[in-house]
Amino acid sequence: MLEITDTQKIGVGLAGFGMTFLFLGVLLLFDKGLLAIGNILFISGLTCVIGIQRTFFFFFQRHKLKASVAFFSGITIVLLGWPMIGMIAEMYGFLLLFRGFLPSAINFLRMVPVLGSLLNLPIIRGIVDRIAGNNGRNMDDDP
């Protein structure tokens, strides 16, 4: 079994708090203070979980450069006081950075009892399928 270090446990907590602050910042009409704290906590949590060197290599790979520039530009714009524009840039960069991970995450979330029911509602399902890259196919459609 994989051994999880204390630093990785702290990183998961920091990333979780970061996502919570980001969610609250968006929920409270793009509060720039909450969004800034959420961004800082998320990046520091990610760094603690995978390490400084792997974080650097993740963000600065040649094929992910456009996504990283959009993501970090969004963080900078939020810190400068333009939260809505910054979050749009961040979301664009986030979707490009984690494009390969999103289908797995969405399929996992579809197995969660209440959340899975919400993700399978007709309007939401089309959006989630487009994000996940399912192209209208479902696991139930396979012969």
C-alpha atoms as a PDB file:
ATOM      1  CA  MET A   1       0.000   0.000   0.000  1.00  0.00           C
ATOM      2  CA  LEU A   2       1.149   3.551  -0.685  1.00  0.00           C
ATOM      3  CA  GLU A   3       2.637   5.438   2.221  1.00  0.00           C
ATOM      4  CA  ILE A   4       1.248   8.958   2.563  1.00  0.00           C
ATOM      5  CA  THR A   5       3.594  11.404   4.230  1.00  0.00           C
ATOM      6  CA  ASP A   6       2.549  14.112   6.658  1.00  0.00           C
ATOM      7  CA  THR A   7       3.395  16.766   4.065  1.00  0.00           C
ATOM      8  CA  GLN A   8       1.019  15.138   1.584  1.00  0.00           C
ATOM      9  CA  LYS A   9      -1.728  15.014   4.213  1.00  0.00           C
ATOM     10  CA  ILE A  10      -1.225  18.717   4.897  1.00  0.00           C
ATOM     11  CA  GLY A  11      -1.258  19.348   1.138  1.00  0.00           C
ATOM     12  CA  VAL A  12      -4.611  17.600   0.733  1.00  0.00           C
ATOM     13  CA  GLY A  13      -5.999  19.759   3.530  1.00  0.00           C
ATOM     14  CA  LEU A  14      -4.602  22.940   2.000  1.00  0.00           C
ATOM     15  CA  ALA A  15      -5.979  22.073  -1.430  1.00  0.00           C
ATOM     16  CA  GLY A  16      -9.354  21.238   0.107  1.00  0.00           C
ATOM     17  CA  PHE A  17      -9.468  24.539   1.973  1.00  0.00           C
ATOM     18  CA  GLY A  18      -8.382  26.283  -1.229  1.00  0.00           C
ATOM     19  CA  MET A  19     -11.272  24.771  -3.181  1.00  0.00           C
ATOM     20  CA  THR A  20     -13.644  25.716  -0.355  1.00  0.00           C
ATOM     21  CA  PHE A  21     -12.452  29.328  -0.352  1.00  0.00           C
ATOM     22  CA  LEU A  22     -12.710  29.464  -4.151  1.00  0.00           C
ATOM     23  CA  PHE A  23     -16.259  28.105  -3.997  1.00  0.00           C
ATOM     24  CA  LEU A  24     -17.240  30.597  -1.303  1.00  0.00           C
ATOM     25  CA  GLY A  25     -15.589  33.427  -3.235  1.00  0.00           C
ATOM     26  CA  VAL A  26     -17.645  32.640  -6.325  1.00  0.00           C
ATOM     27  CA  LEU A  27     -20.787  32.082  -4.237  1.00  0.00           C
ATOM     28  CA  LEU A  28     -20.363  35.456  -2.525  1.00  0.00           C
ATOM     29  CA  LEU A  29     -20.339  37.334  -5.844  1.00  0.00           C
ATOM     30  CA  PHE A  30     -16.658  37.028  -6.669  1.00  0.00           C
ATOM     31  CA  ASP A  31     -15.209  38.256  -3.400  1.00  0.00           C
ATOM     32  CA  LYS A  32     -11.600  38.970  -4.320  1.00  0.00           C
ATOM     33  CA  GLY A  33     -10.234  38.261  -0.832  1.00  0.00           C
ATOM     34  CA  LEU A  34     -11.703  34.758  -0.665  1.00  0.00           C
ATOM     35  CA  LEU A  35     -10.644  34.022  -4.239  1.00  0.00           C
ATOM     36  CA  ALA A  36      -7.083  35.170  -3.566  1.00  0.00           C
ATOM     37  CA  ILE A  37      -6.817  33.045  -0.408  1.00  0.00           C
ATOM     38  CA  GLY A  38      -8.337  30.079  -2.254  1.00  0.00           C
ATOM     39  CA  ASN A  39      -5.831  30.363  -5.101  1.00  0.00           C
ATOM     40  CA  ILE A  40      -2.871  30.566  -2.748  1.00  0.00           C
ATOM     41  CA  LEU A  41      -4.077  27.613  -0.662  1.00  0.00           C
ATOM     42  CA  PHE A  42      -4.810  25.476  -3.730  1.00  0.00           C
ATOM     43  CA  ILE A  43      -1.391  26.052  -5.316  1.00  0.00           C
ATOM     44  CA  SER A  44       0.439  25.473  -2.015  1.00  0.00           C
ATOM     45  CA  GLY A  45      -1.606  22.318  -1.378  1.00  0.00           C
ATOM     46  CA  LEU A  46      -0.825  20.955  -4.823  1.00  0.00           C
ATOM     47  CA  THR A  47       2.851  21.684  -4.220  1.00  0.00           C
ATOM     48  CA  CYS A  48       2.781  19.820  -0.894  1.00  0.00           C
ATOM     49  CA  VAL A  49       1.023  16.803  -2.393  1.00  0.00           C
ATOM     50  CA  ILE A  50       3.230  16.233  -5.452  1.00  0.00           C
ATOM     51  CA  GLY A  51       6.378  18.139  -4.506  1.00  0.00           C
ATOM     52  CA  ILE A  52       7.994  21.329  -5.726  1.00  0.00           C
ATOM     53  CA  GLN A  53       9.871  19.814  -8.666  1.00  0.00           C
ATOM     54  CA  ARG A  54       6.897  17.830  -9.995  1.00  0.00           C
ATOM     55  CA  THR A  55       4.623  20.865  -9.617  1.00  0.00           C
ATOM     56  CA  PHE A  56       7.065  22.958 -11.613  1.00  0.00           C
ATOM     57  CA  PHE A  57       7.303  20.298 -14.338  1.00  0.00           C
ATOM     58  CA  PHE A  58       3.505  19.886 -14.394  1.00  0.00           C
ATOM     59  CA  PHE A  59       2.821  23.560 -15.032  1.00  0.00           C
ATOM     60  CA  PHE A  60       5.737  24.313 -17.339  1.00  0.00           C
ATOM     61  CA  GLN A  61       5.635  21.479 -19.855  1.00  0.00           C
ATOM     62  CA  ARG A  62       5.821  22.706 -23.429  1.00  0.00           C
ATOM     63  CA  HIS A  63       2.355  21.451 -24.411  1.00  0.00           C
ATOM     64  CA  LYS A  64       0.781  22.938 -21.240  1.00  0.00           C
ATOM     65  CA  LEU A  65       2.372  26.375 -21.519  1.00  0.00           C
ATOM     66  CA  LYS A  66      -0.746  28.093 -22.900  1.00  0.00           C
ATOM     67  CA  ALA A  67      -2.883  26.610 -20.114  1.00  0.00           C
ATOM     68  CA  SER A  68      -0.371  27.572 -17.422  1.00  0.00           C
ATOM     69  CA  VAL A  69      -0.145  31.137 -18.700  1.00  0.00           C
ATOM     70  CA  ALA A  70      -3.954  31.433 -18.639  1.00  0.00           C
ATOM     71  CA  PHE A  71      -4.180  29.917 -15.144  1.00  0.00           C
ATOM     72  CA  PHE A  72      -1.456  32.062 -13.571  1.00  0.00           C
ATOM     73  CA  SER A  73      -2.635  35.169 -15.427  1.00  0.00           C
ATOM     74  CA  GLY A  74      -6.080  34.573 -13.945  1.00  0.00           C
ATOM     75  CA  ILE A  75      -4.599  34.331 -10.452  1.00  0.00           C
ATOM     76  CA  THR A  76      -2.661  37.553 -11.036  1.00  0.00           C
ATOM     77  CA  ILE A  77      -5.767  39.333 -12.328  1.00  0.00           C
ATOM     78  CA  VAL A  78      -7.736  38.211  -9.249  1.00  0.00           C
ATOM     79  CA  LEU A  79      -4.950  39.465  -6.968  1.00  0.00           C
ATOM     80  CA  LEU A  80      -4.957  42.813  -8.816  1.00  0.00           C
ATOM     81  CA  GLY A  81      -8.658  43.256  -8.048  1.00  0.00           C
ATOM     82  CA  TRP A  82     -10.564  42.101 -11.136  1.00  0.00           C
ATOM     83  CA  PRO A  83     -12.063  38.854  -9.797  1.00  0.00           C
ATOM     84  CA  MET A  84     -14.617  38.008 -12.493  1.00  0.00           C
ATOM     85  CA  ILE A  85     -12.197  38.388 -15.404  1.00  0.00           C
ATOM     86  CA  GLY A  86      -9.501  36.569 -13.439  1.00  0.00           C
ATOM     87  CA  MET A  87     -11.766  33.627 -12.645  1.00  0.00           C
ATOM     88  CA  ILE A  88     -12.740  33.274 -16.306  1.00  0.00           C
ATOM     89  CA  ALA A  89      -9.060  33.112 -17.266  1.00  0.00           C
ATOM     90  CA  GLU A  90      -8.365  30.705 -14.395  1.00  0.00           C
ATOM     91  CA  MET A  91     -11.197  28.372 -15.361  1.00  0.00           C
ATOM     92  CA  TYR A  92     -10.010  28.307 -18.962  1.00  0.00           C
ATOM     93  CA  GLY A  93      -6.469  27.468 -17.845  1.00  0.00           C
ATOM     94  CA  PHE A  94      -7.721  24.918 -15.295  1.00  0.00           C
ATOM     95  CA  LEU A  95      -9.804  23.096 -17.894  1.00  0.00           C
ATOM     96  CA  LEU A  96      -6.845  22.983 -20.282  1.00  0.00           C
ATOM     97  CA  LEU A  97      -4.410  21.854 -17.569  1.00  0.00           C
ATOM     98  CA  PHE A  98      -6.577  19.086 -16.148  1.00  0.00           C
ATOM     99  CA  ARG A  99      -8.237  18.039 -19.416  1.00  0.00           C
ATOM    100  CA  GLY A 100      -6.811  14.526 -19.200  1.00  0.00           C
ATOM    101  CA  PHE A 101      -7.977  14.049 -15.611  1.00  0.00           C
ATOM    102  CA  LEU A 102     -11.517  15.422 -15.998  1.00  0.00           C
ATOM    103  CA  PRO A 103     -13.166  12.329 -17.586  1.00  0.00           C
ATOM    104  CA  SER A 104     -11.963  10.124 -14.726  1.00  0.00           C
ATOM    105  CA  ALA A 105     -13.063  12.646 -12.102  1.00  0.00           C
ATOM    106  CA  ILE A 106     -16.502  13.093 -13.676  1.00  0.00           C
ATOM    107  CA  ASN A 107     -17.059   9.346 -13.974  1.00  0.00           C
ATOM    108  CA  PHE A 108     -16.140   9.005 -10.291  1.00  0.00           C
ATOM    109  CA  LEU A 109     -18.520  11.828  -9.336  1.00  0.00           C
ATOM    110  CA  ARG A 110     -21.320  10.108 -11.282  1.00  0.00           C
ATOM    111  CA  MET A 111     -21.008   7.142  -8.918  1.00  0.00           C
ATOM    112  CA  VAL A 112     -21.541   9.324  -5.837  1.00  0.00           C
ATOM    113  CA  PRO A 113     -25.207   8.828  -4.830  1.00  0.00           C
ATOM    114  CA  VAL A 114     -26.699  12.360  -4.727  1.00  0.00           C
ATOM    115  CA  LEU A 115     -24.151  14.075  -6.968  1.00  0.00           C
ATOM    116  CA  GLY A 116     -24.500  11.365  -9.618  1.00  0.00           C
ATOM    117  CA  SER A 117     -28.242  11.993  -9.845  1.00  0.00           C
ATOM    118  CA  LEU A 118     -27.633  15.724 -10.294  1.00  0.00           C
ATOM    119  CA  LEU A 119     -24.996  15.158 -12.983  1.00  0.00           C
ATOM    120  CA  ASN A 120     -27.419  12.930 -14.921  1.00  0.00           C
ATOM    121  CA  LEU A 121     -30.175  15.558 -15.192  1.00  0.00           C
ATOM    122  CA  PRO A 122     -30.838  16.279 -18.900  1.00  0.00           C
ATOM    123  CA  ILE A 123     -29.415  19.823 -19.131  1.00  0.00           C
ATOM    124  CA  ILE A 124     -26.468  19.212 -16.814  1.00  0.00           C
ATOM    125  CA  ARG A 125     -25.673  15.870 -18.443  1.00  0.00           C
ATOM    126  CA  GLY A 126     -25.014  17.481 -21.836  1.00  0.00           C
ATOM    127  CA  ILE A 127     -22.642  20.037 -20.328  1.00  0.00           C
ATOM    128  CA  VAL A 128     -20.826  17.447 -18.214  1.00  0.00           C
ATOM    129  CA  ASP A 129     -20.538  15.056 -21.184  1.00  0.00           C
ATOM    130  CA  ARG A 130     -19.010  17.845 -23.275  1.00  0.00           C
ATOM    131  CA  ILE A 131     -16.498  18.648 -20.516  1.00  0.00           C
ATOM    132  CA  ALA A 132     -15.683  14.972 -19.989  1.00  0.00           C
ATOM    133  CA  GLY A 133     -15.345  14.380 -23.724  1.00  0.00           C
ATOM    134  CA  ASN A 134     -17.852  11.515 -23.896  1.00  0.00           C
ATOM    135  CA  ASN A 135     -19.255  12.643 -27.287  1.00  0.00           C
ATOM    136  CA  GLY A 136     -22.764  11.529 -26.347  1.00  0.00           C
ATOM    137  CA  ARG A 137     -21.750   7.991 -25.446  1.00  0.00           C
ATOM    138  CA  ASN A 138     -22.588   6.475 -22.134  1.00  0.00           C
ATOM    139  CA  MET A 139     -21.427   3.319 -20.411  1.00  0.00           C
ATOM    140  CA  ASP A 140     -25.011   2.008 -20.701  1.00  0.00           C
ATOM    141  CA  ASP A 141     -24.956   2.437 -24.502  1.00  0.00           C
ATOM    142  CA  ASP A 142     -22.173  -0.108 -25.030  1.00  0.00           C
ATOM    143  CA  PRO A 143     -23.322  -3.557 -26.247  1.00  0.00           C
END
